Structure formats: C-alpha cells, structure tokens
C-alpha cells in the first residue's frame, strides 16, 4: 500500500510539473494572455468531465480490486466500465461541441471565444481518455505501483512534448490537437501493456459503441467547424438527440436506466 501510494503521489507530482512547464513555455513563446486562455479552456474540460470520471471511479476501483487476481474478470469489468463511461460522456461531449461558445461566454466572457477550437479538439480527445482511464485502473487494482508510475511517466513525457510542439506550430488550437494526440497515444500505450501483462482485449460491443459515438462526435466537429452559426445548431442538436437516444437505449440494456430514473423521481417526491 505504501509503495503504491508513493507511486500515485509521484505520478500526480509529475503531472503538475508538466502543466507548469507548459505554462512557462506558453508565457515565453507567446504571452501571458495565452496562459490564461490555456488554463480557462482546460479548466472547462477537466472540471466538468473530470467530475464524471471521479464519480465513476469511486465505485469502479473497488469492484476491479475484488477481481484483480482473475484476468478474465478484470477484462470484463474494464470493458463494462468503458462502455458505461462512453455512453454517459458521449452526449455531453457532443453537446459541448455544439454549445461551447455559449458555455465560454457564460463562464468567462466573449473575449475567451478564442479557445473554442482548442476545446473542440480536446473534446474529441476525451473519447480516448475514457478508454485509457478505465484500463489504467487495472495497474492499481493489481498492486503494480511501479508499472503504474512508469506508464504515467511515459504518458506525461510524450504529452509534454506534443503540447510544446502543438503550441509552437499552431498556438492554442495546437494545444487542443496535442491533447487529442496525447490520449490517442496513451490509449495505445496502456492497451499494449495491459494486453501483454494481463491478456486484455476490447469486447466487440465496446468497439461498436465507441465507433458509433465517435463518428457522431466527429460529424458534430465538422458541423461546428464548417457551418457558420446559427445554421450549425440544427444539425448539431440533431446529433445530440441521436447520441443521447443511442446512449439511453444501451444504458437501459445494461443497468435499467428507466427504472433508476423512476425510482429517483419517486424518492424526491416522497422527500418533498
């Protein structure tokens, strides 16, 4: 427990150092205004999406730890959690793509609209983060603290390199592209390690869910980038509805979402 805890603390420290180095580089290469834009953009992504990861992780990690000695059970739990994460996040992320301008204006001001293209790319990157997040938990569940640390260190290193290169080549938008590329590479990295060490593979159902929801998000990405507002809202809202409907149908099969919603409503009525 001490070794694993120390490794987790060290990986967290490295993440803070990487973020600090990126801010210094932006300040010296660009200006302090871009540092503020960078911080504001990723605060939106990491705060609101991060809340979902934190909530799911509270339940997911103990369940995965209980079956940590059985690779088949670990594989099943990782795939199930990845499916749930994607089904919950996808409609939210598509909604981000459509309404990010309004979110930025409400949370900050119209002066911060320059971050929208950075957030567009980062939003697509969350799809890969969701899968890699679910897989990386297996290293902790199995008590492989050192493996977890080296995995996170490698991810931080290529994340730092891509961020510096992205900002140098394309400014704030480059930082969004680098976020997307970082988590794509990180997903490949954790998948290969988990496959070699623990015989992990993706289920076909997970691949199907990822493919459908990512195509919907990618379609929305092209809509908001190539169709001017307010004309982009109609196809954008349609894509949100399709993504939400698909997530609802799949969640209903897996966890009985309709019954959960009904019980929640009845519970609130009784409390009143």
Protein backbone atom coordinates (compact mmCIF):
# COMPACT_ATOMS: atom_id res chain seq x y z
CA UNK A 1 0.00 0.00 0.00
CA UNK A 2 2.85 2.39 0.87
CA UNK A 3 4.69 1.71 -2.39
CA UNK A 4 1.53 2.09 -4.49
CA UNK A 5 0.53 5.26 -2.65
CA UNK A 6 4.01 6.73 -3.14
CA UNK A 7 3.92 5.94 -6.87
CA UNK A 8 0.48 7.55 -7.23
CA UNK A 9 1.75 10.66 -5.42
CA UNK A 10 4.82 10.81 -7.65
CA UNK A 11 2.75 10.49 -10.83
CA UNK A 12 0.49 13.31 -9.60
CA UNK A 13 3.54 15.47 -8.91
CA UNK A 14 4.86 14.81 -12.41
CA UNK A 15 1.51 15.85 -13.92
CA UNK A 16 1.68 19.15 -12.00
CA UNK A 17 5.25 19.70 -13.18
CA UNK A 18 4.28 19.05 -16.80
CA UNK A 19 1.42 21.55 -16.57
CA UNK A 20 3.80 24.10 -15.03
CA UNK A 21 6.41 23.62 -17.79
CA UNK A 22 3.71 24.04 -20.46
CA UNK A 23 2.58 27.32 -18.88
CA UNK A 24 6.16 28.60 -18.74
CA UNK A 25 6.70 27.67 -22.40
CA UNK A 26 3.45 29.39 -23.47
CA UNK A 27 4.38 32.51 -21.49
CA UNK A 28 7.85 32.74 -23.04
CA UNK A 29 6.91 31.70 -26.57
CA UNK A 30 3.61 33.56 -26.74
CA UNK A 31 2.35 35.77 -23.93
CA UNK A 32 0.67 35.64 -20.54
CA UNK A 33 -2.77 36.08 -22.18
CA UNK A 34 -2.40 32.71 -23.88
CA UNK A 35 -1.54 31.18 -20.50
CA UNK A 36 -4.91 32.41 -19.23
CA UNK A 37 -6.70 31.08 -22.31
CA UNK A 38 -4.98 27.69 -21.95
CA UNK A 39 -5.92 27.47 -18.27
CA UNK A 40 -9.51 28.53 -18.92
CA UNK A 41 -10.02 26.04 -21.77
CA UNK A 42 -8.72 23.01 -19.95
CA UNK A 43 -10.48 24.02 -16.74
CA UNK A 44 -13.79 23.63 -18.59
CA UNK A 45 -12.84 20.19 -19.90
CA UNK A 46 -11.11 18.83 -16.79
CA UNK A 47 -13.58 20.19 -14.24
CA UNK A 48 -16.91 19.17 -15.74
CA UNK A 49 -15.81 15.96 -17.45
CA UNK A 50 -13.44 15.13 -14.59
CA UNK A 51 -16.38 15.12 -12.16
CA UNK A 52 -17.88 12.21 -14.11
CA UNK A 53 -14.61 10.26 -14.05
CA UNK A 54 -14.27 10.84 -10.30
CA UNK A 55 -17.84 9.73 -9.59
CA UNK A 56 -17.47 6.56 -11.65
CA UNK A 57 -14.02 5.77 -10.22
CA UNK A 58 -15.39 5.71 -6.66
CA UNK A 59 -17.45 2.63 -7.49
CA UNK A 60 -15.27 1.17 -10.25
CA UNK A 61 -11.93 0.82 -8.46
CA UNK A 62 -13.22 -1.28 -5.52
CA UNK A 63 -15.08 -3.60 -7.89
CA UNK A 64 -12.00 -4.06 -10.04
CA UNK A 65 -9.82 -4.68 -6.97
CA UNK A 66 -12.11 -7.51 -5.83
CA UNK A 67 -11.42 -9.47 -9.03
CA UNK A 68 -7.81 -8.34 -9.52
CA UNK A 69 -6.46 -11.91 -9.37
CA UNK A 70 -8.64 -13.06 -12.27
CA UNK A 71 -7.61 -11.59 -15.63
CA UNK A 72 -10.87 -12.66 -17.32
CA UNK A 73 -12.96 -10.89 -14.67
CA UNK A 74 -10.71 -7.82 -14.92
CA UNK A 75 -11.20 -7.78 -18.67
CA UNK A 76 -14.98 -7.99 -18.26
CA UNK A 77 -15.10 -5.17 -15.69
CA UNK A 78 -12.82 -2.87 -17.71
CA UNK A 79 -14.92 -3.34 -20.84
CA UNK A 80 -18.18 -2.82 -18.94
CA UNK A 81 -16.88 0.35 -17.27
CA UNK A 82 -15.57 1.66 -20.59
CA UNK A 83 -18.97 1.12 -22.18
CA UNK A 84 -20.77 2.95 -19.35
CA UNK A 85 -18.25 5.80 -19.43
CA UNK A 86 -18.65 6.29 -23.18
CA UNK A 87 -22.44 6.08 -23.07
CA UNK A 88 -22.63 8.71 -20.32
CA UNK A 89 -19.96 11.03 -21.72
CA UNK A 90 -20.72 10.94 -25.44
CA UNK A 91 -23.97 13.01 -25.45
CA UNK A 92 -22.34 15.50 -23.06
CA UNK A 93 -19.29 15.83 -25.31
CA UNK A 94 -21.42 16.27 -28.44
CA UNK A 95 -23.34 18.95 -26.53
CA UNK A 96 -20.01 20.60 -25.67
CA UNK A 97 -19.14 20.78 -29.34
CA UNK A 98 -22.45 22.43 -30.23
CA UNK A 99 -22.78 24.88 -27.36
CA UNK A 100 -19.19 25.54 -26.26
CA UNK A 101 -19.43 29.18 -27.38
CA UNK A 102 -22.34 29.79 -25.04
CA UNK A 103 -20.59 27.91 -22.23
CA UNK A 104 -17.46 30.06 -22.63
CA UNK A 105 -19.50 33.29 -22.63
CA UNK A 106 -21.49 32.24 -19.55
CA UNK A 107 -18.46 31.00 -17.60
CA UNK A 108 -15.97 33.67 -18.70
CA UNK A 109 -16.76 36.31 -21.36
CA UNK A 110 -16.88 36.75 -25.13
CA UNK A 111 -13.16 37.63 -25.03
CA UNK A 112 -12.42 33.94 -24.32
CA UNK A 113 -14.09 32.68 -27.51
CA UNK A 114 -10.62 32.29 -28.96
CA UNK A 115 -10.31 29.00 -27.03
CA UNK A 116 -13.22 27.29 -28.80
CA UNK A 117 -11.12 25.48 -31.43
CA UNK A 118 -8.76 24.25 -28.73
CA UNK A 119 -11.73 22.89 -26.78
CA UNK A 120 -13.18 21.26 -29.93
CA UNK A 121 -10.06 19.11 -30.33
CA UNK A 122 -9.75 18.42 -26.62
CA UNK A 123 -13.38 17.25 -26.54
CA UNK A 124 -12.62 14.59 -29.15
CA UNK A 125 -9.59 13.56 -27.09
CA UNK A 126 -11.85 12.77 -24.11
CA UNK A 127 -13.16 9.73 -26.00
CA UNK A 128 -9.68 8.20 -25.92
CA UNK A 129 -9.15 9.37 -22.35
CA UNK A 130 -12.28 7.49 -21.25
CA UNK A 131 -10.97 4.18 -22.58
CA UNK A 132 -7.41 4.65 -21.31
CA UNK A 133 -8.72 5.78 -17.89
CA UNK A 134 -10.65 2.53 -17.46
CA UNK A 135 -7.68 0.38 -18.47
CA UNK A 136 -5.08 2.18 -16.33
CA UNK A 137 -7.02 1.33 -13.15
CA UNK A 138 -6.03 -2.31 -13.55
CA UNK A 139 -2.40 -1.47 -12.67
CA UNK A 140 -3.54 -0.05 -9.33
CA UNK A 141 -6.06 -2.84 -8.72
CA UNK A 142 -3.31 -5.43 -9.14
CA UNK A 143 -0.94 -3.51 -6.88
CA UNK A 144 1.52 -2.86 -9.72
CA UNK A 145 2.56 0.55 -8.38
CA UNK A 146 5.84 0.73 -10.26
CA UNK A 147 4.21 -0.23 -13.54
CA UNK A 148 1.55 2.44 -12.94
CA UNK A 149 4.25 5.05 -12.29
CA UNK A 150 6.32 4.26 -15.40
CA UNK A 151 3.18 4.16 -17.50
CA UNK A 152 2.11 7.60 -16.25
CA UNK A 153 5.64 8.97 -16.62
CA UNK A 154 5.81 7.85 -20.26
CA UNK A 155 2.39 9.39 -20.89
CA UNK A 156 3.46 12.67 -19.28
CA UNK A 157 6.65 12.82 -21.34
CA UNK A 158 5.01 12.40 -24.73
CA UNK A 159 2.15 14.64 -23.57
CA UNK A 160 4.63 17.39 -22.71
CA UNK A 161 6.49 17.00 -26.00
CA UNK A 162 3.31 17.10 -28.07
CA UNK A 163 1.97 20.13 -26.16
CA UNK A 164 5.14 22.14 -26.71
CA UNK A 165 5.22 21.17 -30.38
CA UNK A 166 1.50 21.85 -30.81
CA UNK A 167 1.68 25.34 -29.35
CA UNK A 168 4.82 26.15 -31.33
CA UNK A 169 3.18 25.14 -34.62
CA UNK A 170 -0.47 26.13 -34.15
CA UNK A 171 -0.89 28.18 -30.98
CA UNK A 172 -3.90 27.45 -28.78
CA UNK A 173 -5.52 25.19 -31.38
CA UNK A 174 -2.28 23.21 -31.43
CA UNK A 175 -2.66 22.58 -27.70
CA UNK A 176 -6.09 21.07 -28.35
CA UNK A 177 -4.70 18.89 -31.14
CA UNK A 178 -1.83 17.81 -28.87
CA UNK A 179 -4.36 16.80 -26.17
CA UNK A 180 -6.17 14.67 -28.73
CA UNK A 181 -2.91 13.08 -29.94
CA UNK A 182 -1.62 12.56 -26.39
CA UNK A 183 -4.60 10.49 -25.30
CA UNK A 184 -4.65 8.55 -28.56
CA UNK A 185 -1.02 7.55 -27.94
CA UNK A 186 -1.69 6.97 -24.25
CA UNK A 187 -4.59 4.64 -25.10
CA UNK A 188 -2.35 2.63 -27.41
CA UNK A 189 0.29 2.53 -24.70
CA UNK A 190 -1.92 1.28 -21.85
CA UNK A 191 -3.71 -1.17 -24.15
CA UNK A 192 -0.44 -2.77 -25.27
CA UNK A 193 0.85 -3.02 -21.69
CA UNK A 194 -2.43 -4.49 -20.40
CA UNK A 195 -2.60 -6.93 -23.31
CA UNK A 196 0.95 -8.18 -22.72
CA UNK A 197 0.76 -8.30 -18.91
CA UNK A 198 -2.87 -9.32 -18.34
CA UNK A 199 -4.17 -10.64 -21.71
CA UNK A 200 -6.58 -7.72 -22.03
CA UNK A 201 -8.64 -7.12 -25.19
CA UNK A 202 -11.62 -4.93 -26.09
CA UNK A 203 -15.07 -6.55 -26.43
CA UNK A 204 -16.83 -6.16 -29.77
CA UNK A 205 -19.71 -4.35 -28.07
CA UNK A 206 -17.30 -1.70 -26.72
CA UNK A 207 -15.74 -1.22 -30.15
CA UNK A 208 -19.22 -0.78 -31.65
CA UNK A 209 -20.26 1.78 -29.03
CA UNK A 210 -17.03 3.71 -29.40
CA UNK A 211 -17.28 3.67 -33.19
CA UNK A 212 -20.89 4.93 -33.29
CA UNK A 213 -20.47 7.64 -30.66
CA UNK A 214 -17.12 8.84 -32.00
CA UNK A 215 -18.50 9.09 -35.54
CA UNK A 216 -21.39 11.19 -34.18
CA UNK A 217 -18.95 13.44 -32.32
CA UNK A 218 -16.70 13.69 -35.36
CA UNK A 219 -19.70 14.63 -37.50
CA UNK A 220 -20.57 17.34 -34.99
CA UNK A 221 -16.95 18.52 -35.04
CA UNK A 222 -17.15 19.07 -38.80
CA UNK A 223 -20.58 20.73 -38.48
CA UNK A 224 -19.38 23.36 -35.98
CA UNK A 225 -16.17 23.98 -37.92
CA UNK A 226 -17.58 24.23 -41.42
CA UNK A 227 -21.13 25.53 -40.94
CA UNK A 228 -21.49 29.02 -39.51
CA UNK A 229 -23.79 29.76 -36.59
CA UNK A 230 -26.73 29.80 -36.16
CA UNK A 231 -27.09 27.32 -39.05
CA UNK A 232 -24.89 24.78 -37.26
CA UNK A 233 -27.35 24.47 -34.36
CA UNK A 234 -29.97 22.44 -36.21
CA UNK A 235 -27.69 19.56 -37.34
CA UNK A 236 -25.79 19.88 -34.06
CA UNK A 237 -28.90 19.44 -31.92
CA UNK A 238 -29.98 16.53 -34.13
CA UNK A 239 -26.63 14.82 -33.44
CA UNK A 240 -27.06 15.42 -29.69
CA UNK A 241 -30.50 13.79 -29.83
CA UNK A 242 -29.18 10.78 -31.78
CA UNK A 243 -26.22 10.35 -29.41
CA UNK A 244 -28.47 10.71 -26.36
CA UNK A 245 -31.06 8.28 -27.72
CA UNK A 246 -28.41 5.67 -28.52
CA UNK A 247 -26.85 6.06 -25.06
CA UNK A 248 -30.25 5.74 -23.39
CA UNK A 249 -31.09 2.53 -25.29
CA UNK A 250 -27.72 0.95 -24.49
CA UNK A 251 -27.76 2.03 -20.82
CA UNK A 252 -31.28 0.64 -20.47
CA UNK A 253 -29.97 -2.78 -21.62
CA UNK A 254 -27.09 -2.67 -19.15
CA UNK A 255 -28.30 -1.01 -15.96
CA UNK A 256 -32.06 -0.47 -16.38
CA UNK A 257 -31.78 3.31 -16.70
CA UNK A 258 -35.55 3.86 -16.93
CA UNK A 259 -36.16 2.15 -13.58
CA UNK A 260 -33.32 4.12 -11.95
CA UNK A 261 -34.82 7.41 -13.17
CA UNK A 262 -38.30 6.43 -11.96
CA UNK A 263 -37.01 5.47 -8.50
CA UNK A 264 -35.07 8.73 -8.28
CA UNK A 265 -38.18 10.78 -9.14
CA UNK A 266 -40.35 8.87 -6.65
CA UNK A 267 -37.70 9.31 -3.94
CA UNK A 268 -37.59 13.07 -4.48
CA UNK A 269 -41.38 13.34 -4.44
CA UNK A 270 -41.54 11.46 -1.13
CA UNK A 271 -38.87 13.71 0.38
CA UNK A 272 -40.96 16.78 -0.51
